[in-house]
PDB file of N, CA and C in Angstrom:
ATOM      1  N   MET A   1      40.480 -19.842  -0.939  1.00  0.00           N
ATOM      2  CA  MET A   1      39.062 -19.569  -0.812  1.00  0.00           C
ATOM      3  C   MET A   1      38.596 -18.828  -2.071  1.00  0.00           C
ATOM      4  N   GLU A   2      37.509 -19.266  -2.618  1.00  0.00           N
ATOM      5  CA  GLU A   2      36.974 -18.670  -3.839  1.00  0.00           C
ATOM      6  C   GLU A   2      36.176 -17.410  -3.518  1.00  0.00           C
ATOM      7  N   LYS A   3      36.412 -16.362  -4.271  1.00  0.00           N
ATOM      8  CA  LYS A   3      35.678 -15.107  -4.093  1.00  0.00           C
ATOM      9  C   LYS A   3      34.430 -15.126  -4.953  1.00  0.00           C
ATOM     10  N   HIS A   4      33.401 -14.474  -4.456  1.00  0.00           N
ATOM     11  CA  HIS A   4      32.221 -14.301  -5.295  1.00  0.00           C
ATOM     12  C   HIS A   4      31.809 -12.837  -5.309  1.00  0.00           C
ATOM     13  N   THR A   5      31.115 -12.457  -6.346  1.00  0.00           N
ATOM     14  CA  THR A   5      30.693 -11.077  -6.532  1.00  0.00           C
ATOM     15  C   THR A   5      29.307 -10.877  -5.930  1.00  0.00           C
ATOM     16  N   PHE A   6      29.091  -9.725  -5.315  1.00  0.00           N
ATOM     17  CA  PHE A   6      27.780  -9.375  -4.775  1.00  0.00           C
ATOM     18  C   PHE A   6      27.491  -7.928  -5.110  1.00  0.00           C
ATOM     19  N   LEU A   7      26.259  -7.510  -4.916  1.00  0.00           N
ATOM     20  CA  LEU A   7      25.831  -6.146  -5.213  1.00  0.00           C
ATOM     21  C   LEU A   7      25.718  -5.333  -3.940  1.00  0.00           C
ATOM     22  N   GLU A   8      26.226  -4.139  -3.969  1.00  0.00           N
ATOM     23  CA  GLU A   8      26.032  -3.188  -2.879  1.00  0.00           C
ATOM     24  C   GLU A   8      24.923  -2.233  -3.304  1.00  0.00           C
ATOM     25  N   ILE A   9      23.881  -2.126  -2.518  1.00  0.00           N
ATOM     26  CA  ILE A   9      22.781  -1.212  -2.825  1.00  0.00           C
ATOM     27  C   ILE A   9      23.197   0.183  -2.397  1.00  0.00           C
ATOM     28  N   VAL A  10      23.257   1.101  -3.334  1.00  0.00           N
ATOM     29  CA  VAL A  10      23.698   2.455  -3.021  1.00  0.00           C
ATOM     30  C   VAL A  10      22.546   3.448  -2.977  1.00  0.00           C
ATOM     31  N   SER A  11      21.431   3.108  -3.587  1.00  0.00           N
ATOM     32  CA  SER A  11      20.239   3.944  -3.461  1.00  0.00           C
ATOM     33  C   SER A  11      19.022   3.178  -3.947  1.00  0.00           C
ATOM     34  N   ILE A  12      17.883   3.538  -3.415  1.00  0.00           N
ATOM     35  CA  ILE A  12      16.601   2.975  -3.830  1.00  0.00           C
ATOM     36  C   ILE A  12      15.696   4.149  -4.109  1.00  0.00           C
ATOM     37  N   LYS A  13      15.065   4.141  -5.251  1.00  0.00           N
ATOM     38  CA  LYS A  13      14.214   5.259  -5.631  1.00  0.00           C
ATOM     39  C   LYS A  13      12.800   4.772  -5.893  1.00  0.00           C
ATOM     40  N   GLN A  14      11.837   5.501  -5.365  1.00  0.00           N
ATOM     41  CA  GLN A  14      10.444   5.230  -5.643  1.00  0.00           C
ATOM     42  C   GLN A  14       9.979   6.099  -6.793  1.00  0.00           C
ATOM     43  N   LYS A  15       9.107   5.571  -7.610  1.00  0.00           N
ATOM     44  CA  LYS A  15       8.443   6.382  -8.623  1.00  0.00           C
ATOM     45  C   LYS A  15       7.096   6.762  -8.016  1.00  0.00           C
ATOM     46  N   VAL A  16       6.856   8.053  -7.862  1.00  0.00           N
ATOM     47  CA  VAL A  16       5.656   8.499  -7.165  1.00  0.00           C
ATOM     48  C   VAL A  16       4.813   9.419  -8.035  1.00  0.00           C
ATOM     49  N   LYS A  17       3.543   9.474  -7.697  1.00  0.00           N
ATOM     50  CA  LYS A  17       2.612  10.416  -8.304  1.00  0.00           C
ATOM     51  C   LYS A  17       1.987  11.183  -7.147  1.00  0.00           C
ATOM     52  N   LYS A  18       2.146  12.501  -7.151  1.00  0.00           N
ATOM     53  CA  LYS A  18       1.629  13.303  -6.032  1.00  0.00           C
ATOM     54  C   LYS A  18       0.111  13.381  -6.090  1.00  0.00           C
ATOM     55  N   ARG A  19      -0.487  13.222  -4.918  1.00  0.00           N
ATOM     56  CA  ARG A  19      -1.936  13.342  -4.757  1.00  0.00           C
ATOM     57  C   ARG A  19      -2.183  14.146  -3.497  1.00  0.00           C
ATOM     58  N   THR A  20      -3.379  14.672  -3.343  1.00  0.00           N
ATOM     59  CA  THR A  20      -3.709  15.413  -2.129  1.00  0.00           C
ATOM     60  C   THR A  20      -4.947  14.813  -1.474  1.00  0.00           C
ATOM     61  N   THR A  21      -4.993  14.928  -0.166  1.00  0.00           N
ATOM     62  CA  THR A  21      -6.157  14.523   0.602  1.00  0.00           C
ATOM     63  C   THR A  21      -6.192  15.354   1.875  1.00  0.00           C
ATOM     64  N   SER A  22      -7.372  15.603   2.358  1.00  0.00           N
ATOM     65  CA  SER A  22      -7.509  16.318   3.622  1.00  0.00           C
ATOM     66  C   SER A  22      -7.829  15.349   4.755  1.00  0.00           C
ATOM     67  N   ASN A  23      -7.806  14.059   4.427  1.00  0.00           N
ATOM     68  CA  ASN A  23      -8.180  13.055   5.416  1.00  0.00           C
ATOM     69  C   ASN A  23      -7.101  12.836   6.459  1.00  0.00           C
ATOM     70  N   GLN A  24      -7.533  12.879   7.713  1.00  0.00           N
ATOM     71  CA  GLN A  24      -6.703  12.395   8.808  1.00  0.00           C
ATOM     72  C   GLN A  24      -7.408  11.132   9.277  1.00  0.00           C
ATOM     73  N   LEU A  25      -6.744  10.010   9.218  1.00  0.00           N
ATOM     74  CA  LEU A  25      -7.379   8.726   9.492  1.00  0.00           C
ATOM     75  C   LEU A  25      -7.369   8.439  10.987  1.00  0.00           C
ATOM     76  N   ASN A  26      -8.198   9.179  11.716  1.00  0.00           N
ATOM     77  CA  ASN A  26      -8.193   9.108  13.175  1.00  0.00           C
ATOM     78  C   ASN A  26      -9.318   8.257  13.750  1.00  0.00           C
ATOM     79  N   SER A  27     -10.050   7.526  12.907  1.00  0.00           N
ATOM     80  CA  SER A  27     -11.098   6.631  13.404  1.00  0.00           C
ATOM     81  C   SER A  27     -11.297   5.512  12.386  1.00  0.00           C
ATOM     82  N   PRO A  28     -11.850   4.392  12.824  1.00  0.00           N
ATOM     83  CA  PRO A  28     -12.150   3.319  11.871  1.00  0.00           C
ATOM     84  C   PRO A  28     -13.077   3.784  10.740  1.00  0.00           C
ATOM     85  N   GLN A  29     -14.011   4.661  11.054  1.00  0.00           N
ATOM     86  CA  GLN A  29     -14.927   5.174  10.036  1.00  0.00           C
ATOM     87  C   GLN A  29     -14.165   5.989   8.981  1.00  0.00           C
ATOM     88  N   ALA A  30     -13.238   6.830   9.414  1.00  0.00           N
ATOM     89  CA  ALA A  30     -12.449   7.635   8.476  1.00  0.00           C
ATOM     90  C   ALA A  30     -11.597   6.741   7.576  1.00  0.00           C
ATOM     91  N   ILE A  31     -11.042   5.691   8.146  1.00  0.00           N
ATOM     92  CA  ILE A  31     -10.249   4.743   7.357  1.00  0.00           C
ATOM     93  C   ILE A  31     -11.138   4.062   6.321  1.00  0.00           C
ATOM     94  N   GLY A  32     -12.297   3.593   6.751  1.00  0.00           N
ATOM     95  CA  GLY A  32     -13.239   2.930   5.848  1.00  0.00           C
ATOM     96  C   GLY A  32     -13.678   3.830   4.711  1.00  0.00           C
ATOM     97  N   GLU A  33     -13.974   5.082   5.016  1.00  0.00           N
ATOM     98  CA  GLU A  33     -14.400   6.019   3.972  1.00  0.00           C
ATOM     99  C   GLU A  33     -13.280   6.281   2.971  1.00  0.00           C
ATOM    100  N   PHE A  34     -12.063   6.422   3.451  1.00  0.00           N
ATOM    101  CA  PHE A  34     -10.929   6.649   2.560  1.00  0.00           C
ATOM    102  C   PHE A  34     -10.734   5.449   1.628  1.00  0.00           C
ATOM    103  N   ILE A  35     -10.760   4.251   2.192  1.00  0.00           N
ATOM    104  CA  ILE A  35     -10.571   3.036   1.398  1.00  0.00           C
ATOM    105  C   ILE A  35     -11.714   2.860   0.400  1.00  0.00           C
ATOM    106  N   GLN A  36     -12.931   3.124   0.820  1.00  0.00           N
ATOM    107  CA  GLN A  36     -14.085   2.975  -0.064  1.00  0.00           C
ATOM    108  C   GLN A  36     -13.937   3.858  -1.303  1.00  0.00           C
ATOM    109  N   LYS A  37     -13.435   5.071  -1.125  1.00  0.00           N
ATOM    110  CA  LYS A  37     -13.212   5.968  -2.267  1.00  0.00           C
ATOM    111  C   LYS A  37     -12.136   5.423  -3.196  1.00  0.00           C
ATOM    112  N   GLU A  38     -11.159   4.728  -2.635  1.00  0.00           N
ATOM    113  CA  GLU A  38     -10.034   4.234  -3.422  1.00  0.00           C
ATOM    114  C   GLU A  38     -10.360   2.958  -4.190  1.00  0.00           C
ATOM    115  N   ILE A  39     -10.978   1.980  -3.542  1.00  0.00           N
ATOM    116  CA  ILE A  39     -11.163   0.673  -4.182  1.00  0.00           C
ATOM    117  C   ILE A  39     -12.602   0.166  -4.138  1.00  0.00           C
ATOM    118  N   GLY A  40     -13.542   1.026  -3.851  1.00  0.00           N
ATOM    119  CA  GLY A  40     -14.916   0.598  -3.644  1.00  0.00           C
ATOM    120  C   GLY A  40     -15.587  -0.179  -4.753  1.00  0.00           C
ATOM    121  N   ASP A  41     -15.461   0.242  -6.002  1.00  0.00           N
ATOM    122  CA  ASP A  41     -16.211  -0.377  -7.092  1.00  0.00           C
ATOM    123  C   ASP A  41     -15.336  -1.048  -8.140  1.00  0.00           C
ATOM    124  N   LEU A  42     -14.175  -1.492  -7.765  1.00  0.00           N
ATOM    125  CA  LEU A  42     -13.297  -2.137  -8.726  1.00  0.00           C
ATOM    126  C   LEU A  42     -13.825  -3.516  -9.113  1.00  0.00           C
ATOM    127  N   ALA A  43     -13.585  -3.915 -10.353  1.00  0.00           N
ATOM    128  CA  ALA A  43     -14.105  -5.185 -10.861  1.00  0.00           C
ATOM    129  C   ALA A  43     -13.271  -6.384 -10.420  1.00  0.00           C
ATOM    130  N   ASN A  44     -12.003  -6.166 -10.083  1.00  0.00           N
ATOM    131  CA  ASN A  44     -11.129  -7.252  -9.640  1.00  0.00           C
ATOM    132  C   ASN A  44     -10.825  -7.113  -8.159  1.00  0.00           C
ATOM    133  N   GLU A  45     -10.392  -8.225  -7.572  1.00  0.00           N
ATOM    134  CA  GLU A  45      -9.950  -8.153  -6.187  1.00  0.00           C
ATOM    135  C   GLU A  45      -8.614  -7.443  -6.118  1.00  0.00           C
ATOM    136  N   VAL A  46      -8.470  -6.577  -5.111  1.00  0.00           N
ATOM    137  CA  VAL A  46      -7.276  -5.748  -4.961  1.00  0.00           C
ATOM    138  C   VAL A  46      -6.856  -5.738  -3.499  1.00  0.00           C
ATOM    139  N   LEU A  47      -5.543  -5.787  -3.254  1.00  0.00           N
ATOM    140  CA  LEU A  47      -5.027  -5.569  -1.910  1.00  0.00           C
ATOM    141  C   LEU A  47      -4.291  -4.243  -1.935  1.00  0.00           C
ATOM    142  N   TYR A  48      -4.603  -3.405  -0.982  1.00  0.00           N
ATOM    143  CA  TYR A  48      -4.197  -2.008  -0.981  1.00  0.00           C
ATOM    144  C   TYR A  48      -3.568  -1.686   0.363  1.00  0.00           C
ATOM    145  N   VAL A  49      -2.467  -0.948   0.375  1.00  0.00           N
ATOM    146  CA  VAL A  49      -1.819  -0.530   1.619  1.00  0.00           C
ATOM    147  C   VAL A  49      -1.868   0.996   1.703  1.00  0.00           C
ATOM    148  N   VAL A  50      -2.350   1.493   2.834  1.00  0.00           N
ATOM    149  CA  VAL A  50      -2.362   2.924   3.113  1.00  0.00           C
ATOM    150  C   VAL A  50      -1.324   3.171   4.199  1.00  0.00           C
ATOM    151  N   CYS A  51      -0.341   4.003   3.892  1.00  0.00           N
ATOM    152  CA  CYS A  51       0.755   4.308   4.819  1.00  0.00           C
ATOM    153  C   CYS A  51       0.489   5.670   5.451  1.00  0.00           C
ATOM    154  N   VAL A  52       0.646   5.765   6.766  1.00  0.00           N
ATOM    155  CA  VAL A  52       0.378   7.016   7.472  1.00  0.00           C
ATOM    156  C   VAL A  52       1.566   7.413   8.340  1.00  0.00           C
ATOM    157  N   ASN A  53       1.628   8.719   8.644  1.00  0.00           N
ATOM    158  CA  ASN A  53       2.669   9.222   9.536  1.00  0.00           C
ATOM    159  C   ASN A  53       2.174   9.171  10.984  1.00  0.00           C
ATOM    160  N   THR A  54       2.907   9.749  11.902  1.00  0.00           N
ATOM    161  CA  THR A  54       2.535   9.684  13.322  1.00  0.00           C
ATOM    162  C   THR A  54       1.282  10.490  13.653  1.00  0.00           C
ATOM    163  N   LYS A  55       0.901  11.414  12.762  1.00  0.00           N
ATOM    164  CA  LYS A  55      -0.327  12.193  12.953  1.00  0.00           C
ATOM    165  C   LYS A  55      -1.517  11.547  12.258  1.00  0.00           C
ATOM    166  N   MET A  56      -1.337  10.314  11.776  1.00  0.00           N
ATOM    167  CA  MET A  56      -2.360   9.549  11.068  1.00  0.00           C
ATOM    168  C   MET A  56      -2.780  10.221   9.755  1.00  0.00           C
ATOM    169  N   GLU A  57      -1.856  10.937   9.132  1.00  0.00           N
ATOM    170  CA  GLU A  57      -2.080  11.548   7.832  1.00  0.00           C
ATOM    171  C   GLU A  57      -1.503  10.625   6.761  1.00  0.00           C
ATOM    172  N   VAL A  58      -2.211  10.488   5.664  1.00  0.00           N
ATOM    173  CA  VAL A  58      -1.764   9.610   4.584  1.00  0.00           C
ATOM    174  C   VAL A  58      -0.493  10.178   3.962  1.00  0.00           C
ATOM    175  N   ASN A  59       0.554   9.356   3.920  1.00  0.00           N
ATOM    176  CA  ASN A  59       1.761   9.788   3.222  1.00  0.00           C
ATOM    177  C   ASN A  59       2.083   8.913   2.020  1.00  0.00           C
ATOM    178  N   ALA A  60       1.396   7.784   1.871  1.00  0.00           N
ATOM    179  CA  ALA A  60       1.576   6.945   0.689  1.00  0.00           C
ATOM    180  C   ALA A  60       0.427   5.944   0.590  1.00  0.00           C
ATOM    181  N   VAL A  61       0.102   5.591  -0.632  1.00  0.00           N
ATOM    182  CA  VAL A  61      -0.831   4.498  -0.897  1.00  0.00           C
ATOM    183  C   VAL A  61      -0.174   3.590  -1.930  1.00  0.00           C
ATOM    184  N   HIS A  62      -0.469   2.312  -1.849  1.00  0.00           N
ATOM    185  CA  HIS A  62       0.171   1.363  -2.762  1.00  0.00           C
ATOM    186  C   HIS A  62      -0.791   0.229  -3.071  1.00  0.00           C
ATOM    187  N   THR A  63      -1.001  -0.026  -4.353  1.00  0.00           N
ATOM    188  CA  THR A  63      -1.756  -1.201  -4.776  1.00  0.00           C
ATOM    189  C   THR A  63      -0.765  -2.355  -4.808  1.00  0.00           C
ATOM    190  N   VAL A  64      -0.908  -3.250  -3.857  1.00  0.00           N
ATOM    191  CA  VAL A  64       0.036  -4.352  -3.705  1.00  0.00           C
ATOM    192  C   VAL A  64      -0.240  -5.445  -4.728  1.00  0.00           C
ATOM    193  N   SER A  65      -1.517  -5.749  -4.929  1.00  0.00           N
ATOM    194  CA  SER A  65      -1.869  -6.852  -5.810  1.00  0.00           C
ATOM    195  C   SER A  65      -3.208  -6.583  -6.472  1.00  0.00           C
ATOM    196  N   VAL A  66      -3.264  -6.853  -7.762  1.00  0.00           N
ATOM    197  CA  VAL A  66      -4.534  -6.833  -8.492  1.00  0.00           C
ATOM    198  C   VAL A  66      -4.762  -8.255  -8.956  1.00  0.00           C
ATOM    199  N   GLY A  67      -5.846  -8.826  -8.490  1.00  0.00           N
ATOM    200  CA  GLY A  67      -6.133 -10.212  -8.824  1.00  0.00           C
ATOM    201  C   GLY A  67      -7.134 -10.326  -9.954  1.00  0.00           C
ATOM    202  N   ASN A  68      -7.888 -11.400  -9.914  1.00  0.00           N
ATOM    203  CA  ASN A  68      -8.927 -11.592 -10.903  1.00  0.00           C
ATOM    204  C   ASN A  68     -10.289 -11.513 -10.222  1.00  0.00           C
ATOM    205  N   LEU A  69     -11.249 -12.167 -10.757  1.00  0.00           N
ATOM    206  CA  LEU A  69     -12.610 -12.081 -10.232  1.00  0.00           C
ATOM    207  C   LEU A  69     -12.720 -12.535  -8.779  1.00  0.00           C
ATOM    208  N   ASN A  70     -11.980 -13.578  -8.403  1.00  0.00           N
ATOM    209  CA  ASN A  70     -12.179 -14.123  -7.059  1.00  0.00           C
ATOM    210  C   ASN A  70     -10.902 -14.442  -6.288  1.00  0.00           C
ATOM    211  N   SER A  71      -9.746 -13.905  -6.713  1.00  0.00           N
ATOM    212  CA  SER A  71      -8.534 -14.155  -5.941  1.00  0.00           C
ATOM    213  C   SER A  71      -7.509 -13.060  -6.199  1.00  0.00           C
ATOM    214  N   SER A  72      -6.584 -12.942  -5.258  1.00  0.00           N
ATOM    215  CA  SER A  72      -5.495 -11.985  -5.372  1.00  0.00           C
ATOM    216  C   SER A  72      -4.302 -12.561  -4.617  1.00  0.00           C
ATOM    217  N   ILE A  73      -3.185 -12.733  -5.290  1.00  0.00           N
ATOM    218  CA  ILE A  73      -1.997 -13.316  -4.670  1.00  0.00           C
ATOM    219  C   ILE A  73      -1.126 -12.191  -4.107  1.00  0.00           C
ATOM    220  N   VAL A  74      -0.706 -12.360  -2.850  1.00  0.00           N
ATOM    221  CA  VAL A  74       0.013 -11.296  -2.158  1.00  0.00           C
ATOM    222  C   VAL A  74       1.274 -11.851  -1.505  1.00  0.00           C
ATOM    223  N   SER A  75       2.356 -11.105  -1.646  1.00  0.00           N
ATOM    224  CA  SER A  75       3.610 -11.439  -0.973  1.00  0.00           C
ATOM    225  C   SER A  75       3.789 -10.487   0.213  1.00  0.00           C
ATOM    226  N   PRO A  76       4.124 -11.004   1.396  1.00  0.00           N
ATOM    227  CA  PRO A  76       4.354 -10.115   2.547  1.00  0.00           C
ATOM    228  C   PRO A  76       5.396  -9.040   2.253  1.00  0.00           C
ATOM    229  N   ARG A  77       6.407  -9.376   1.469  1.00  0.00           N
ATOM    230  CA  ARG A  77       7.453  -8.408   1.119  1.00  0.00           C
ATOM    231  C   ARG A  77       6.846  -7.191   0.429  1.00  0.00           C
ATOM    232  N   GLU A  78       5.904  -7.411  -0.474  1.00  0.00           N
ATOM    233  CA  GLU A  78       5.275  -6.309  -1.199  1.00  0.00           C
ATOM    234  C   GLU A  78       4.373  -5.475  -0.293  1.00  0.00           C
ATOM    235  N   VAL A  79       3.782  -6.090   0.710  1.00  0.00           N
ATOM    236  CA  VAL A  79       2.929  -5.359   1.653  1.00  0.00           C
ATOM    237  C   VAL A  79       3.742  -4.314   2.408  1.00  0.00           C
ATOM    238  N   PHE A  80       4.935  -4.683   2.841  1.00  0.00           N
ATOM    239  CA  PHE A  80       5.738  -3.795   3.676  1.00  0.00           C
ATOM    240  C   PHE A  80       6.678  -2.878   2.909  1.00  0.00           C
ATOM    241  N   LYS A  81       6.923  -3.164   1.646  1.00  0.00           N
ATOM    242  CA  LYS A  81       7.893  -2.379   0.870  1.00  0.00           C
ATOM    243  C   LYS A  81       7.525  -0.901   0.818  1.00  0.00           C
ATOM    244  N   ALA A  82       6.282  -0.574   0.481  1.00  0.00           N
ATOM    245  CA  ALA A  82       5.876   0.836   0.372  1.00  0.00           C
ATOM    246  C   ALA A  82       5.978   1.548   1.715  1.00  0.00           C
ATOM    247  N   SER A  83       5.616   0.865   2.790  1.00  0.00           N
ATOM    248  CA  SER A  83       5.670   1.521   4.102  1.00  0.00           C
ATOM    249  C   SER A  83       7.106   1.795   4.538  1.00  0.00           C
ATOM    250  N   ILE A  84       7.998   0.901   4.234  1.00  0.00           N
ATOM    251  CA  ILE A  84       9.397   1.109   4.594  1.00  0.00           C
ATOM    252  C   ILE A  84       9.999   2.227   3.752  1.00  0.00           C
ATOM    253  N   LEU A  85       9.735   2.207   2.448  1.00  0.00           N
ATOM    254  CA  LEU A  85      10.302   3.228   1.569  1.00  0.00           C
ATOM    255  C   LEU A  85       9.743   4.621   1.833  1.00  0.00           C
ATOM    256  N   SER A  86       8.521   4.709   2.351  1.00  0.00           N
ATOM    257  CA  SER A  86       7.922   6.022   2.628  1.00  0.00           C
ATOM    258  C   SER A  86       8.077   6.446   4.087  1.00  0.00           C
ATOM    259  N   ASN A  87       8.855   5.694   4.867  1.00  0.00           N
ATOM    260  CA  ASN A  87       9.102   6.011   6.289  1.00  0.00           C
ATOM    261  C   ASN A  87       7.811   6.160   7.084  1.00  0.00           C
ATOM    262  N   SER A  88       6.889   5.279   6.871  1.00  0.00           N
ATOM    263  CA  SER A  88       5.589   5.355   7.541  1.00  0.00           C
ATOM    264  C   SER A  88       5.670   4.889   8.985  1.00  0.00           C
ATOM    265  N   ALA A  89       4.800   5.474   9.802  1.00  0.00           N
ATOM    266  CA  ALA A  89       4.706   5.060  11.204  1.00  0.00           C
ATOM    267  C   ALA A  89       3.777   3.864  11.359  1.00  0.00           C
ATOM    268  N   SER A  90       2.741   3.810  10.512  1.00  0.00           N
ATOM    269  CA  SER A  90       1.749   2.729  10.572  1.00  0.00           C
ATOM    270  C   SER A  90       1.211   2.472   9.177  1.00  0.00           C
ATOM    271  N   ILE A  91       0.573   1.307   9.023  1.00  0.00           N
ATOM    272  CA  ILE A  91      -0.090   1.003   7.759  1.00  0.00           C
ATOM    273  C   ILE A  91      -1.484   0.455   8.024  1.00  0.00           C
ATOM    274  N   PHE A  92      -2.338   0.619   7.031  1.00  0.00           N
ATOM    275  CA  PHE A  92      -3.646  -0.017   7.000  1.00  0.00           C
ATOM    276  C   PHE A  92      -3.679  -0.865   5.744  1.00  0.00           C
ATOM    277  N   ILE A  93      -4.152  -2.086   5.872  1.00  0.00           N
ATOM    278  CA  ILE A  93      -4.238  -2.998   4.734  1.00  0.00           C
ATOM    279  C   ILE A  93      -5.714  -3.195   4.427  1.00  0.00           C
ATOM    280  N   ALA A  94      -6.070  -3.037   3.159  1.00  0.00           N
ATOM    281  CA  ALA A  94      -7.469  -3.184   2.745  1.00  0.00           C
ATOM    282  C   ALA A  94      -7.555  -4.145   1.570  1.00  0.00           C
ATOM    283  N   HIS A  95      -8.634  -4.896   1.528  1.00  0.00           N
ATOM    284  CA  HIS A  95      -8.858  -5.865   0.470  1.00  0.00           C
ATOM    285  C   HIS A  95     -10.341  -5.835   0.119  1.00  0.00           C
ATOM    286  N   ASN A  96     -10.642  -5.717  -1.141  1.00  0.00           N
ATOM    287  CA  ASN A  96     -12.042  -5.707  -1.534  1.00  0.00           C
ATOM    288  C   ASN A  96     -12.486  -7.091  -1.975  1.00  0.00           C
ATOM    289  N   HIS A  97     -13.784  -7.314  -1.961  1.00  0.00           N
ATOM    290  CA  HIS A  97     -14.396  -8.518  -2.508  1.00  0.00           C
ATOM    291  C   HIS A  97     -15.386  -8.064  -3.556  1.00  0.00           C
ATOM    292  N   HIS A  98     -15.058  -8.369  -4.789  1.00  0.00           N
ATOM    293  CA  HIS A  98     -15.926  -7.978  -5.900  1.00  0.00           C
ATOM    294  C   HIS A  98     -17.259  -8.716  -5.798  1.00  0.00           C
ATOM    295  N   THR A  99     -18.342  -8.005  -6.011  1.00  0.00           N
ATOM    296  CA  THR A  99     -19.666  -8.639  -6.045  1.00  0.00           C
ATOM    297  C   THR A  99     -20.318  -8.352  -7.381  1.00  0.00           C
ATOM    298  N   ASP A 100     -21.076  -9.311  -7.874  1.00  0.00           N
ATOM    299  CA  ASP A 100     -21.763  -9.134  -9.158  1.00  0.00           C
ATOM    300  C   ASP A 100     -23.007  -8.306  -9.006  1.00  0.00           C
TER     301      ASP A 100
END
């Protein structure tokens, strides 16, 4: 039987930038306001993931995809990667539509 080589993953590290917020995302309105501040006036289409803990406090945000004027390509793997790496309890997915 022929042997083949494989990789054992021994650690995964995120590169993070610390930010602060006082927002607890406990209502649809609070979620909308948080997202609007993050991606409200961007010129390109963007898909954004907000990761929260069990108290609905933001513990991570991730720009999954930056598209062009009218499209953004997204992989499901990229949507869930930030939430898994940050041990999130829930996620919110947001997508903007650029208007002229």
